[in-house]
Amino acid sequence: MAVILLIEDDVTIRTALTRGLRELGHVVSSSSTALDGLRLAVRDRPDLVVLDLGLPDLDGAELLPMLRAVSRVPVIVATARDGDAEMVPILNSGADDYVVKPFSAAQLDARVRAVLRRMGDDRSPDTSVTVAGLRLDPRSRDAVLDGAPLELTPREFDLLHFLATRAGEVVTKRELMTEVWQVPYGGADKTVDVHLSWLRRKLGETAQNPRYLLTVRGVGVKLVEPT
């Protein structure tokens, strides 16, 4: 069971999803506007937010960074926009997952459970991992690069930590989706690519001039010690 905040202005969709998610065991509250949804997210501290993009007072894409500035609550974006031009900025703004309309309450429930499993995943070792100047501590969720703290989102930390525990090994994108995103099906390479790009910027590197994250073309990515 999860406490879910649904920010959706379409009353038909909002009613159907609220009823469906409750029947699946979740506690659901809802809002029809962006700013009221932001207020409820801060006040009620839900386990997860489902955020529509086409809201009447403020586009959900604009609300997402505002929400990220005040909360680390997982966010699943619900949208009819499925092109790269829409998806990449949404992921870059901190969305944990997205679903494309139309979708059922059962499909959304599966996404909710996958995101929350990842957020509460205890399979990672409790010991810190160090690769050259990079140090990651899963207990405190602290990341340090060359003595300076790295500001990482929960998803970025999980991705970097998983790669660091497999330092020197090539990891496929499908494996990353399974182990980090808890989504054991294909078709999300761009999701991995976006988050790797985001990590590279924070590590001070690019795909063309890598330090830690080395792309193995046609296979995957591996984390290595800088040379």
C-alpha atoms as a PDB file:
ATOM      1  CA  MET A   1       0.000   0.000   0.000  1.00  0.00           C
ATOM      2  CA  ALA A   2       1.224   3.500  -0.818  1.00  0.00           C
ATOM      3  CA  VAL A   3      -0.042   6.988  -0.116  1.00  0.00           C
ATOM      4  CA  ILE A   4      -0.388   8.566  -3.554  1.00  0.00           C
ATOM      5  CA  LEU A   5      -1.089  12.154  -4.553  1.00  0.00           C
ATOM      6  CA  LEU A   6      -2.719  12.373  -7.994  1.00  0.00           C
ATOM      7  CA  ILE A   7      -2.417  15.775  -9.696  1.00  0.00           C
ATOM      8  CA  GLU A   8      -4.790  15.557 -12.665  1.00  0.00           C
ATOM      9  CA  ASP A   9      -7.299  18.116 -13.961  1.00  0.00           C
ATOM     10  CA  ASP A  10      -9.472  15.777 -16.055  1.00  0.00           C
ATOM     11  CA  VAL A  11     -12.250  14.774 -13.678  1.00  0.00           C
ATOM     12  CA  THR A  12     -13.045  11.550 -15.548  1.00  0.00           C
ATOM     13  CA  ILE A  13      -9.441  10.353 -15.486  1.00  0.00           C
ATOM     14  CA  ARG A  14      -8.959  11.525 -11.904  1.00  0.00           C
ATOM     15  CA  THR A  15     -12.055   9.712 -10.683  1.00  0.00           C
ATOM     16  CA  ALA A  16     -11.252   6.481 -12.529  1.00  0.00           C
ATOM     17  CA  LEU A  17      -7.635   6.371 -11.368  1.00  0.00           C
ATOM     18  CA  THR A  18      -8.525   7.258  -7.796  1.00  0.00           C
ATOM     19  CA  ARG A  19     -11.121   4.481  -7.648  1.00  0.00           C
ATOM     20  CA  GLY A  20      -8.857   1.970  -9.381  1.00  0.00           C
ATOM     21  CA  LEU A  21      -5.807   2.673  -7.215  1.00  0.00           C
ATOM     22  CA  ARG A  22      -7.892   2.483  -4.042  1.00  0.00           C
ATOM     23  CA  GLU A  23      -9.262  -0.879  -5.121  1.00  0.00           C
ATOM     24  CA  LEU A  24      -5.643  -2.004  -5.538  1.00  0.00           C
ATOM     25  CA  GLY A  25      -4.921  -1.081  -1.938  1.00  0.00           C
ATOM     26  CA  HIS A  26      -3.495   2.441  -2.140  1.00  0.00           C
ATOM     27  CA  VAL A  27      -4.507   5.556  -0.228  1.00  0.00           C
ATOM     28  CA  VAL A  28      -5.176   8.271  -2.796  1.00  0.00           C
ATOM     29  CA  SER A  29      -5.679  12.023  -2.527  1.00  0.00           C
ATOM     30  CA  SER A  30      -5.998  14.281  -5.533  1.00  0.00           C
ATOM     31  CA  SER A  31      -5.796  17.808  -6.848  1.00  0.00           C
ATOM     32  CA  SER A  32      -6.914  19.368 -10.108  1.00  0.00           C
ATOM     33  CA  THR A  33      -4.355  22.205 -10.215  1.00  0.00           C
ATOM     34  CA  ALA A  34      -0.573  22.463 -10.075  1.00  0.00           C
ATOM     35  CA  LEU A  35      -0.217  24.906  -7.210  1.00  0.00           C
ATOM     36  CA  ASP A  36      -2.735  23.140  -5.003  1.00  0.00           C
ATOM     37  CA  GLY A  37      -0.972  19.871  -5.794  1.00  0.00           C
ATOM     38  CA  LEU A  38       2.329  21.410  -4.717  1.00  0.00           C
ATOM     39  CA  ARG A  39       0.744  22.546  -1.472  1.00  0.00           C
ATOM     40  CA  LEU A  40      -0.632  19.067  -0.765  1.00  0.00           C
ATOM     41  CA  ALA A  41       2.693  17.415  -1.606  1.00  0.00           C
ATOM     42  CA  VAL A  42       4.495  19.588   0.938  1.00  0.00           C
ATOM     43  CA  ARG A  43       1.763  19.356   3.597  1.00  0.00           C
ATOM     44  CA  ASP A  44       0.832  15.668   3.350  1.00  0.00           C
ATOM     45  CA  ARG A  45       4.213  14.142   2.379  1.00  0.00           C
ATOM     46  CA  PRO A  46       2.803  11.334   0.184  1.00  0.00           C
ATOM     47  CA  ASP A  47       4.846   8.279  -0.769  1.00  0.00           C
ATOM     48  CA  LEU A  48       4.560   9.144  -4.455  1.00  0.00           C
ATOM     49  CA  VAL A  49       3.108  11.805  -6.754  1.00  0.00           C
ATOM     50  CA  VAL A  50       1.447  11.091 -10.102  1.00  0.00           C
ATOM     51  CA  LEU A  51       1.705  14.311 -12.092  1.00  0.00           C
ATOM     52  CA  ASP A  52      -0.263  15.208 -15.209  1.00  0.00           C
ATOM     53  CA  LEU A  53       1.408  17.719 -17.533  1.00  0.00           C
ATOM     54  CA  GLY A  54      -1.618  19.511 -18.988  1.00  0.00           C
ATOM     55  CA  LEU A  55      -2.779  21.371 -15.888  1.00  0.00           C
ATOM     56  CA  PRO A  56      -4.924  24.532 -16.077  1.00  0.00           C
ATOM     57  CA  ASP A  57      -2.839  26.911 -13.964  1.00  0.00           C
ATOM     58  CA  LEU A  58       0.710  25.739 -14.627  1.00  0.00           C
ATOM     59  CA  ASP A  59       2.143  23.103 -16.930  1.00  0.00           C
ATOM     60  CA  GLY A  60       3.272  20.003 -15.066  1.00  0.00           C
ATOM     61  CA  ALA A  61       6.701  20.339 -16.686  1.00  0.00           C
ATOM     62  CA  GLU A  62       7.050  23.682 -14.891  1.00  0.00           C
ATOM     63  CA  LEU A  63       5.705  22.288 -11.632  1.00  0.00           C
ATOM     64  CA  LEU A  64       8.159  19.380 -11.551  1.00  0.00           C
ATOM     65  CA  PRO A  65      11.323  21.417 -10.778  1.00  0.00           C
ATOM     66  CA  MET A  66       9.349  23.423  -8.203  1.00  0.00           C
ATOM     67  CA  LEU A  67       8.335  20.166  -6.525  1.00  0.00           C
ATOM     68  CA  ARG A  68      11.902  18.869  -6.716  1.00  0.00           C
ATOM     69  CA  ALA A  69      13.148  22.028  -4.980  1.00  0.00           C
ATOM     70  CA  VAL A  70      11.088  21.322  -1.863  1.00  0.00           C
ATOM     71  CA  SER A  71      10.682  17.530  -1.799  1.00  0.00           C
ATOM     72  CA  ARG A  72      12.394  14.294  -2.788  1.00  0.00           C
ATOM     73  CA  VAL A  73       9.096  12.454  -3.198  1.00  0.00           C
ATOM     74  CA  PRO A  74       9.133  10.079  -6.210  1.00  0.00           C
ATOM     75  CA  VAL A  75       7.224  11.468  -9.190  1.00  0.00           C
ATOM     76  CA  ILE A  76       5.609   9.554 -12.043  1.00  0.00           C
ATOM     77  CA  VAL A  77       4.611  11.865 -14.878  1.00  0.00           C
ATOM     78  CA  ALA A  78       1.388  10.990 -16.701  1.00  0.00           C
ATOM     79  CA  THR A  79       1.292  12.460 -20.182  1.00  0.00           C
ATOM     80  CA  ALA A  80      -0.085  12.168 -23.687  1.00  0.00           C
ATOM     81  CA  ARG A  81       3.235  13.579 -24.936  1.00  0.00           C
ATOM     82  CA  ASP A  82       5.495  10.704 -25.911  1.00  0.00           C
ATOM     83  CA  GLY A  83       8.152  12.280 -28.133  1.00  0.00           C
ATOM     84  CA  ASP A  84      11.826  12.719 -27.223  1.00  0.00           C
ATOM     85  CA  ALA A  85      11.396  16.489 -27.156  1.00  0.00           C
ATOM     86  CA  GLU A  86       8.952  16.075 -24.264  1.00  0.00           C
ATOM     87  CA  MET A  87      10.398  13.049 -22.498  1.00  0.00           C
ATOM     88  CA  VAL A  88      14.037  14.141 -22.152  1.00  0.00           C
ATOM     89  CA  PRO A  89      13.389  17.482 -20.363  1.00  0.00           C
ATOM     90  CA  ILE A  90      10.915  15.731 -18.034  1.00  0.00           C
ATOM     91  CA  LEU A  91      13.509  13.144 -17.028  1.00  0.00           C
ATOM     92  CA  ASN A  92      16.137  15.865 -16.704  1.00  0.00           C
ATOM     93  CA  SER A  93      13.841  17.776 -14.364  1.00  0.00           C
ATOM     94  CA  GLY A  94      13.755  14.857 -11.942  1.00  0.00           C
ATOM     95  CA  ALA A  95      10.863  12.590 -12.912  1.00  0.00           C
ATOM     96  CA  ASP A  96      11.365   9.024 -11.659  1.00  0.00           C
ATOM     97  CA  ASP A  97       9.207   7.462 -14.364  1.00  0.00           C
ATOM     98  CA  TYR A  98       6.490   8.354 -16.850  1.00  0.00           C
ATOM     99  CA  VAL A  99       3.408   6.730 -18.327  1.00  0.00           C
ATOM    100  CA  VAL A 100       1.812   7.640 -21.634  1.00  0.00           C
ATOM    101  CA  LYS A 101      -1.956   8.112 -21.814  1.00  0.00           C
ATOM    102  CA  PRO A 102      -4.200   6.244 -22.076  1.00  0.00           C
ATOM    103  CA  PHE A 103      -3.289   3.795 -19.318  1.00  0.00           C
ATOM    104  CA  SER A 104      -5.164   1.772 -16.731  1.00  0.00           C
ATOM    105  CA  ALA A 105      -5.026   1.911 -12.947  1.00  0.00           C
ATOM    106  CA  ALA A 106      -3.395  -1.544 -13.047  1.00  0.00           C
ATOM    107  CA  GLN A 107      -0.616  -0.275 -15.310  1.00  0.00           C
ATOM    108  CA  LEU A 108      -0.055   2.729 -13.074  1.00  0.00           C
ATOM    109  CA  ASP A 109      -0.065   0.473 -10.018  1.00  0.00           C
ATOM    110  CA  ALA A 110       2.756  -1.603 -11.544  1.00  0.00           C
ATOM    111  CA  ARG A 111       4.799   1.565 -12.154  1.00  0.00           C
ATOM    112  CA  VAL A 112       4.126   2.819  -8.630  1.00  0.00           C
ATOM    113  CA  ARG A 113       5.263  -0.443  -7.079  1.00  0.00           C
ATOM    114  CA  ALA A 114       8.385  -0.570  -9.256  1.00  0.00           C
ATOM    115  CA  VAL A 115       9.416   2.967  -8.299  1.00  0.00           C
ATOM    116  CA  LEU A 116       8.790   2.375  -4.606  1.00  0.00           C
ATOM    117  CA  ARG A 117      10.678  -0.938  -4.702  1.00  0.00           C
ATOM    118  CA  ARG A 118      13.653   0.892  -6.128  1.00  0.00           C
ATOM    119  CA  MET A 119      13.431   3.661  -3.565  1.00  0.00           C
ATOM    120  CA  GLY A 120      13.352   1.129  -0.737  1.00  0.00           C
ATOM    121  CA  ASP A 121      15.734  -1.396  -2.264  1.00  0.00           C
ATOM    122  CA  ASP A 122      17.985  -2.877   0.415  1.00  0.00           C
ATOM    123  CA  ARG A 123      19.965  -5.145  -1.847  1.00  0.00           C
ATOM    124  CA  SER A 124      22.917  -2.754  -2.182  1.00  0.00           C
ATOM    125  CA  PRO A 125      25.814  -3.443   0.200  1.00  0.00           C
ATOM    126  CA  ASP A 126      26.004  -1.235   3.287  1.00  0.00           C
ATOM    127  CA  THR A 127      29.680  -0.525   2.801  1.00  0.00           C
ATOM    128  CA  SER A 128      30.880   2.510   0.901  1.00  0.00           C
ATOM    129  CA  VAL A 129      32.336   2.144  -2.587  1.00  0.00           C
ATOM    130  CA  THR A 130      35.432   4.029  -3.724  1.00  0.00           C
ATOM    131  CA  VAL A 131      36.726   4.257  -7.278  1.00  0.00           C
ATOM    132  CA  ALA A 132      39.689   6.638  -7.602  1.00  0.00           C
ATOM    133  CA  GLY A 133      38.386  10.040  -6.415  1.00  0.00           C
ATOM    134  CA  LEU A 134      34.754   8.935  -6.345  1.00  0.00           C
ATOM    135  CA  ARG A 135      33.258   7.717  -3.058  1.00  0.00           C
ATOM    136  CA  LEU A 136      29.638   6.610  -2.515  1.00  0.00           C
ATOM    137  CA  ASP A 137      28.120   5.715   0.854  1.00  0.00           C
ATOM    138  CA  PRO A 138      24.713   3.982   0.499  1.00  0.00           C
ATOM    139  CA  ARG A 139      23.943   4.315   4.221  1.00  0.00           C
ATOM    140  CA  SER A 140      24.148   8.113   4.299  1.00  0.00           C
ATOM    141  CA  ARG A 141      23.442   8.504   0.556  1.00  0.00           C
ATOM    142  CA  ASP A 142      26.516  10.747   0.360  1.00  0.00           C
ATOM    143  CA  ALA A 143      28.519  11.048  -2.838  1.00  0.00           C
ATOM    144  CA  VAL A 144      31.952  12.710  -2.963  1.00  0.00           C
ATOM    145  CA  LEU A 145      34.109  13.454  -6.002  1.00  0.00           C
ATOM    146  CA  ASP A 146      37.717  14.520  -5.432  1.00  0.00           C
ATOM    147  CA  GLY A 147      36.855  15.671  -1.911  1.00  0.00           C
ATOM    148  CA  ALA A 148      33.819  17.751  -2.955  1.00  0.00           C
ATOM    149  CA  PRO A 149      30.191  16.652  -2.381  1.00  0.00           C
ATOM    150  CA  LEU A 150      28.161  15.601  -5.400  1.00  0.00           C
ATOM    151  CA  GLU A 151      24.514  16.675  -5.451  1.00  0.00           C
ATOM    152  CA  LEU A 152      22.700  13.648  -6.857  1.00  0.00           C
ATOM    153  CA  THR A 153      19.031  12.788  -7.133  1.00  0.00           C
ATOM    154  CA  PRO A 154      17.980   9.418  -5.630  1.00  0.00           C
ATOM    155  CA  ARG A 155      17.879   7.868  -9.107  1.00  0.00           C
ATOM    156  CA  GLU A 156      21.309   9.260 -10.014  1.00  0.00           C
ATOM    157  CA  PHE A 157      22.807   7.934  -6.779  1.00  0.00           C
ATOM    158  CA  ASP A 158      21.355   4.460  -7.328  1.00  0.00           C
ATOM    159  CA  LEU A 159      22.613   4.383 -10.923  1.00  0.00           C
ATOM    160  CA  LEU A 160      26.115   5.580 -10.046  1.00  0.00           C
ATOM    161  CA  HIS A 161      26.345   3.305  -7.013  1.00  0.00           C
ATOM    162  CA  PHE A 162      25.303   0.261  -9.028  1.00  0.00           C
ATOM    163  CA  LEU A 163      27.920   1.004 -11.683  1.00  0.00           C
ATOM    164  CA  ALA A 164      30.573   1.628  -8.996  1.00  0.00           C
ATOM    165  CA  THR A 165      29.885  -1.753  -7.388  1.00  0.00           C
ATOM    166  CA  ARG A 166      30.524  -3.268 -10.826  1.00  0.00           C
ATOM    167  CA  ALA A 167      33.565  -1.091 -11.612  1.00  0.00           C
ATOM    168  CA  GLY A 168      35.467  -2.330 -14.633  1.00  0.00           C
ATOM    169  CA  GLU A 169      32.550  -4.462 -15.857  1.00  0.00           C
ATOM    170  CA  VAL A 170      30.380  -3.651 -18.846  1.00  0.00           C
ATOM    171  CA  VAL A 171      26.731  -3.304 -17.789  1.00  0.00           C
ATOM    172  CA  THR A 172      23.974  -3.370 -20.403  1.00  0.00           C
ATOM    173  CA  LYS A 173      21.173  -0.840 -20.470  1.00  0.00           C
ATOM    174  CA  ARG A 174      18.651  -3.643 -20.069  1.00  0.00           C
ATOM    175  CA  GLU A 175      20.446  -4.704 -16.890  1.00  0.00           C
ATOM    176  CA  LEU A 176      20.398  -1.135 -15.613  1.00  0.00           C
ATOM    177  CA  MET A 177      16.655  -0.930 -16.249  1.00  0.00           C
ATOM    178  CA  THR A 178      16.161  -4.185 -14.339  1.00  0.00           C
ATOM    179  CA  GLU A 179      18.469  -3.488 -11.398  1.00  0.00           C
ATOM    180  CA  VAL A 180      18.167   0.285 -10.957  1.00  0.00           C
ATOM    181  CA  TRP A 181      14.718   1.094 -12.350  1.00  0.00           C
ATOM    182  CA  GLN A 182      13.166  -2.261 -11.407  1.00  0.00           C
ATOM    183  CA  VAL A 183      11.528  -2.392 -14.846  1.00  0.00           C
ATOM    184  CA  PRO A 184      12.434  -5.737 -16.449  1.00  0.00           C
ATOM    185  CA  TYR A 185      11.418  -4.931 -20.010  1.00  0.00           C
ATOM    186  CA  GLY A 186      13.053  -3.169 -22.908  1.00  0.00           C
ATOM    187  CA  GLY A 187      12.292  -0.038 -24.853  1.00  0.00           C
ATOM    188  CA  ALA A 188      13.722   2.492 -22.405  1.00  0.00           C
ATOM    189  CA  ASP A 189      17.288   2.985 -23.632  1.00  0.00           C
ATOM    190  CA  LYS A 190      16.695   6.725 -23.858  1.00  0.00           C
ATOM    191  CA  THR A 191      15.786   6.800 -20.170  1.00  0.00           C
ATOM    192  CA  VAL A 192      19.180   5.309 -19.314  1.00  0.00           C
ATOM    193  CA  ASP A 193      20.960   7.592 -21.788  1.00  0.00           C
ATOM    194  CA  VAL A 194      19.394  10.699 -20.276  1.00  0.00           C
ATOM    195  CA  HIS A 195      20.414   9.771 -16.739  1.00  0.00           C
ATOM    196  CA  LEU A 196      23.937   8.834 -17.824  1.00  0.00           C
ATOM    197  CA  SER A 197      24.220  12.202 -19.571  1.00  0.00           C
ATOM    198  CA  TRP A 198      23.037  13.930 -16.404  1.00  0.00           C
ATOM    199  CA  LEU A 199      25.609  12.007 -14.330  1.00  0.00           C
ATOM    200  CA  ARG A 200      28.399  12.829 -16.755  1.00  0.00           C
ATOM    201  CA  ARG A 201      27.739  16.542 -16.403  1.00  0.00           C
ATOM    202  CA  LYS A 202      27.965  16.263 -12.623  1.00  0.00           C
ATOM    203  CA  LEU A 203      31.148  14.194 -12.887  1.00  0.00           C
ATOM    204  CA  GLY A 204      32.692  16.849 -15.132  1.00  0.00           C
ATOM    205  CA  GLU A 205      32.889  14.741 -18.266  1.00  0.00           C
ATOM    206  CA  THR A 206      31.153  14.064 -21.568  1.00  0.00           C
ATOM    207  CA  ALA A 207      30.494  10.944 -23.617  1.00  0.00           C
ATOM    208  CA  GLN A 208      33.182  12.151 -26.047  1.00  0.00           C
ATOM    209  CA  ASN A 209      35.697  12.829 -23.248  1.00  0.00           C
ATOM    210  CA  PRO A 210      34.854  10.366 -20.470  1.00  0.00           C
ATOM    211  CA  ARG A 211      36.632  10.054 -17.124  1.00  0.00           C
ATOM    212  CA  TYR A 212      34.560   7.536 -15.157  1.00  0.00           C
ATOM    213  CA  LEU A 213      31.644   6.533 -17.412  1.00  0.00           C
ATOM    214  CA  LEU A 214      32.882   4.777 -20.526  1.00  0.00           C
ATOM    215  CA  THR A 215      30.383   3.821 -23.225  1.00  0.00           C
ATOM    216  CA  VAL A 216      31.012   0.472 -24.866  1.00  0.00           C
ATOM    217  CA  ARG A 217      29.251   0.931 -28.178  1.00  0.00           C
ATOM    218  CA  GLY A 218      26.537  -1.584 -28.878  1.00  0.00           C
ATOM    219  CA  VAL A 219      26.957  -3.228 -25.463  1.00  0.00           C
ATOM    220  CA  GLY A 220      26.478  -0.837 -22.550  1.00  0.00           C
ATOM    221  CA  VAL A 221      28.510   1.266 -20.124  1.00  0.00           C
ATOM    222  CA  LYS A 222      31.182   0.650 -17.510  1.00  0.00           C
ATOM    223  CA  LEU A 223      32.578   2.737 -14.685  1.00  0.00           C
ATOM    224  CA  VAL A 224      36.386   2.891 -14.732  1.00  0.00           C
ATOM    225  CA  GLU A 225      39.186   4.676 -12.917  1.00  0.00           C
ATOM    226  CA  PRO A 226      40.244   7.839 -14.784  1.00  0.00           C
ATOM    227  CA  THR A 227      43.464   7.525 -16.706  1.00  0.00           C
END
